[in-house]
Amino acid sequence: MHSQRMDELAASLAGSVKVAKLNVDESPESADRLGIRSIPTLLIFKNGQVLDQLIGASPVAKIEAAVRRRLRDQ
């Protein structure tokens, strides 16, 4: 997903979620620890636990739906 689109999604969900980006080239140990094998990978966390994972390029609507679904599960 294009970085600008992710920034727009983060802005629309501000106050409800935190969005962070990981450069796997700069932090390969973190990528290994999280089990990231493909780029892009989106992980949705709650209380430090991975709740959902989207691998590969996904439409913004699919990502937003996954995040909102997890927000409803709270």
N, C-alpha and C. Protein backbone atom coordinates (compact mmCIF):
# COMPACT_ATOMS: atom_id res chain seq x y z
N MET A 1 0.85 -1.18 0.00
CA MET A 1 0.00 0.00 0.00
C MET A 1 0.89 1.23 0.00
N HIS A 2 0.52 2.19 -0.77
CA HIS A 2 1.26 3.44 -0.86
C HIS A 2 1.26 4.12 0.50
N SER A 3 2.40 4.65 0.89
CA SER A 3 2.56 5.27 2.20
C SER A 3 1.57 6.41 2.44
N GLN A 4 1.29 7.20 1.42
CA GLN A 4 0.34 8.31 1.58
C GLN A 4 -1.05 7.79 1.92
N ARG A 5 -1.48 6.71 1.29
CA ARG A 5 -2.80 6.15 1.58
C ARG A 5 -2.86 5.64 3.02
N MET A 6 -1.77 5.04 3.49
CA MET A 6 -1.72 4.57 4.87
C MET A 6 -1.78 5.75 5.83
N ASP A 7 -1.09 6.83 5.50
CA ASP A 7 -1.13 8.04 6.33
C ASP A 7 -2.55 8.61 6.39
N GLU A 8 -3.26 8.59 5.27
CA GLU A 8 -4.64 9.06 5.23
C GLU A 8 -5.54 8.19 6.10
N LEU A 9 -5.34 6.88 6.04
CA LEU A 9 -6.13 5.97 6.87
C LEU A 9 -5.84 6.22 8.34
N ALA A 10 -4.56 6.38 8.68
CA ALA A 10 -4.18 6.66 10.07
C ALA A 10 -4.84 7.93 10.56
N ALA A 11 -4.87 8.96 9.72
CA ALA A 11 -5.50 10.24 10.10
C ALA A 11 -7.00 10.05 10.32
N SER A 12 -7.65 9.25 9.49
CA SER A 12 -9.10 9.07 9.64
C SER A 12 -9.45 8.26 10.88
N LEU A 13 -8.51 7.47 11.37
CA LEU A 13 -8.75 6.65 12.57
C LEU A 13 -8.05 7.21 13.81
N ALA A 14 -7.51 8.42 13.69
CA ALA A 14 -6.78 9.03 14.81
C ALA A 14 -7.63 9.05 16.06
N GLY A 15 -7.03 8.72 17.17
CA GLY A 15 -7.74 8.68 18.44
C GLY A 15 -8.30 7.30 18.75
N SER A 16 -8.43 6.46 17.73
CA SER A 16 -8.95 5.11 17.92
C SER A 16 -7.85 4.05 17.83
N VAL A 17 -6.86 4.33 16.99
CA VAL A 17 -5.77 3.38 16.78
C VAL A 17 -4.45 4.13 16.66
N LYS A 18 -3.37 3.40 16.84
CA LYS A 18 -2.03 3.91 16.57
C LYS A 18 -1.53 3.16 15.35
N VAL A 19 -0.94 3.89 14.42
CA VAL A 19 -0.37 3.28 13.23
C VAL A 19 1.13 3.48 13.27
N ALA A 20 1.85 2.40 13.07
CA ALA A 20 3.31 2.45 13.06
C ALA A 20 3.82 1.70 11.84
N LYS A 21 4.93 2.16 11.32
CA LYS A 21 5.55 1.53 10.17
C LYS A 21 6.90 0.96 10.61
N LEU A 22 7.23 -0.18 10.03
CA LEU A 22 8.51 -0.82 10.33
C LEU A 22 9.28 -0.99 9.04
N ASN A 23 10.47 -0.44 8.99
CA ASN A 23 11.35 -0.66 7.85
C ASN A 23 12.11 -1.95 8.12
N VAL A 24 11.75 -3.01 7.42
CA VAL A 24 12.33 -4.33 7.70
C VAL A 24 13.80 -4.40 7.32
N ASP A 25 14.25 -3.52 6.42
CA ASP A 25 15.67 -3.48 6.08
C ASP A 25 16.50 -2.90 7.22
N GLU A 26 15.91 -1.96 7.95
CA GLU A 26 16.60 -1.33 9.07
C GLU A 26 16.42 -2.10 10.38
N SER A 27 15.39 -2.92 10.47
CA SER A 27 15.09 -3.66 11.70
C SER A 27 14.77 -5.13 11.39
N PRO A 28 15.72 -5.86 10.81
CA PRO A 28 15.43 -7.25 10.45
C PRO A 28 15.11 -8.13 11.65
N GLU A 29 15.65 -7.81 12.82
CA GLU A 29 15.35 -8.62 14.01
C GLU A 29 13.89 -8.47 14.42
N SER A 30 13.35 -7.29 14.28
CA SER A 30 11.93 -7.09 14.58
C SER A 30 11.05 -7.81 13.58
N ALA A 31 11.42 -7.75 12.31
CA ALA A 31 10.67 -8.46 11.27
C ALA A 31 10.68 -9.96 11.54
N ASP A 32 11.82 -10.50 11.93
CA ASP A 32 11.90 -11.93 12.27
C ASP A 32 11.03 -12.26 13.46
N ARG A 33 11.10 -11.45 14.50
CA ARG A 33 10.32 -11.69 15.71
C ARG A 33 8.82 -11.67 15.43
N LEU A 34 8.41 -10.82 14.50
CA LEU A 34 6.99 -10.70 14.16
C LEU A 34 6.56 -11.68 13.06
N GLY A 35 7.51 -12.41 12.51
CA GLY A 35 7.19 -13.39 11.49
C GLY A 35 6.87 -12.78 10.14
N ILE A 36 7.40 -11.61 9.86
CA ILE A 36 7.15 -10.95 8.59
C ILE A 36 8.05 -11.57 7.53
N ARG A 37 7.43 -12.16 6.51
CA ARG A 37 8.17 -12.83 5.44
C ARG A 37 7.92 -12.18 4.09
N SER A 38 6.85 -11.40 3.98
CA SER A 38 6.49 -10.73 2.73
C SER A 38 6.21 -9.26 3.00
N ILE A 39 6.48 -8.46 1.99
CA ILE A 39 6.22 -7.03 2.09
C ILE A 39 5.25 -6.67 0.98
N PRO A 40 4.19 -5.96 1.27
CA PRO A 40 3.80 -5.42 2.57
C PRO A 40 3.05 -6.44 3.42
N THR A 41 3.19 -6.29 4.71
CA THR A 41 2.43 -7.06 5.69
C THR A 41 1.85 -6.06 6.69
N LEU A 42 0.59 -6.21 6.99
CA LEU A 42 -0.07 -5.37 7.97
C LEU A 42 -0.46 -6.26 9.14
N LEU A 43 -0.02 -5.88 10.33
CA LEU A 43 -0.38 -6.60 11.55
C LEU A 43 -1.28 -5.70 12.39
N ILE A 44 -2.35 -6.27 12.92
CA ILE A 44 -3.24 -5.54 13.81
C ILE A 44 -3.05 -6.13 15.20
N PHE A 45 -2.63 -5.28 16.13
CA PHE A 45 -2.34 -5.69 17.50
C PHE A 45 -3.39 -5.18 18.47
N LYS A 46 -3.54 -5.90 19.57
CA LYS A 46 -4.26 -5.41 20.72
C LYS A 46 -3.55 -5.97 21.94
N ASN A 47 -3.17 -5.08 22.85
CA ASN A 47 -2.45 -5.47 24.07
C ASN A 47 -1.23 -6.33 23.77
N GLY A 48 -0.52 -5.98 22.69
CA GLY A 48 0.71 -6.68 22.35
C GLY A 48 0.53 -8.00 21.60
N GLN A 49 -0.70 -8.40 21.36
CA GLN A 49 -0.97 -9.65 20.66
C GLN A 49 -1.45 -9.36 19.24
N VAL A 50 -0.96 -10.14 18.28
CA VAL A 50 -1.41 -9.98 16.90
C VAL A 50 -2.81 -10.58 16.77
N LEU A 51 -3.77 -9.75 16.36
CA LEU A 51 -5.15 -10.20 16.18
C LEU A 51 -5.46 -10.55 14.73
N ASP A 52 -4.78 -9.88 13.81
CA ASP A 52 -5.08 -10.06 12.40
C ASP A 52 -3.83 -9.73 11.60
N GLN A 53 -3.75 -10.32 10.41
CA GLN A 53 -2.59 -10.10 9.54
C GLN A 53 -3.07 -10.08 8.09
N LEU A 54 -2.66 -9.06 7.37
CA LEU A 54 -2.95 -8.97 5.94
C LEU A 54 -1.61 -8.98 5.21
N ILE A 55 -1.44 -9.90 4.29
CA ILE A 55 -0.19 -10.03 3.56
C ILE A 55 -0.42 -9.66 2.11
N GLY A 56 0.47 -8.85 1.57
CA GLY A 56 0.36 -8.41 0.19
C GLY A 56 -0.39 -7.10 0.09
N ALA A 57 -0.38 -6.56 -1.12
CA ALA A 57 -1.07 -5.29 -1.35
C ALA A 57 -2.57 -5.49 -1.18
N SER A 58 -3.16 -4.65 -0.37
CA SER A 58 -4.60 -4.73 -0.11
C SER A 58 -5.24 -3.38 -0.36
N PRO A 59 -6.45 -3.38 -0.87
CA PRO A 59 -7.15 -2.10 -1.03
C PRO A 59 -7.36 -1.43 0.33
N VAL A 60 -7.35 -0.12 0.32
CA VAL A 60 -7.55 0.63 1.57
C VAL A 60 -8.85 0.21 2.25
N ALA A 61 -9.89 -0.01 1.47
CA ALA A 61 -11.19 -0.39 2.05
C ALA A 61 -11.08 -1.71 2.82
N LYS A 62 -10.30 -2.65 2.33
CA LYS A 62 -10.12 -3.94 3.02
C LYS A 62 -9.37 -3.74 4.32
N ILE A 63 -8.34 -2.91 4.29
CA ILE A 63 -7.56 -2.65 5.51
C ILE A 63 -8.43 -1.93 6.53
N GLU A 64 -9.15 -0.91 6.09
CA GLU A 64 -10.00 -0.17 7.00
C GLU A 64 -11.07 -1.07 7.61
N ALA A 65 -11.64 -1.96 6.82
CA ALA A 65 -12.66 -2.88 7.32
C ALA A 65 -12.07 -3.81 8.38
N ALA A 66 -10.86 -4.30 8.16
CA ALA A 66 -10.22 -5.18 9.13
C ALA A 66 -9.96 -4.45 10.44
N VAL A 67 -9.49 -3.21 10.35
CA VAL A 67 -9.21 -2.42 11.56
C VAL A 67 -10.51 -2.11 12.29
N ARG A 68 -11.51 -1.67 11.57
CA ARG A 68 -12.79 -1.33 12.21
C ARG A 68 -13.45 -2.56 12.84
N ARG A 69 -13.30 -3.71 12.20
CA ARG A 69 -13.84 -4.96 12.77
C ARG A 69 -13.19 -5.24 14.12
N ARG A 70 -11.89 -5.04 14.20
CA ARG A 70 -11.18 -5.27 15.47
C ARG A 70 -11.54 -4.22 16.51
N LEU A 71 -11.83 -2.99 16.08
CA LEU A 71 -12.27 -1.96 17.01
C LEU A 71 -13.63 -2.33 17.62
N ARG A 72 -14.51 -2.91 16.81
CA ARG A 72 -15.82 -3.33 17.31
C ARG A 72 -15.68 -4.47 18.31
N ASP A 73 -14.65 -5.30 18.15
CA ASP A 73 -14.45 -6.46 19.01
C ASP A 73 -13.97 -6.07 20.42
N GLN A 74 -13.63 -4.81 20.60
CA GLN A 74 -13.08 -4.39 21.90
C GLN A 74 -14.08 -4.51 23.02
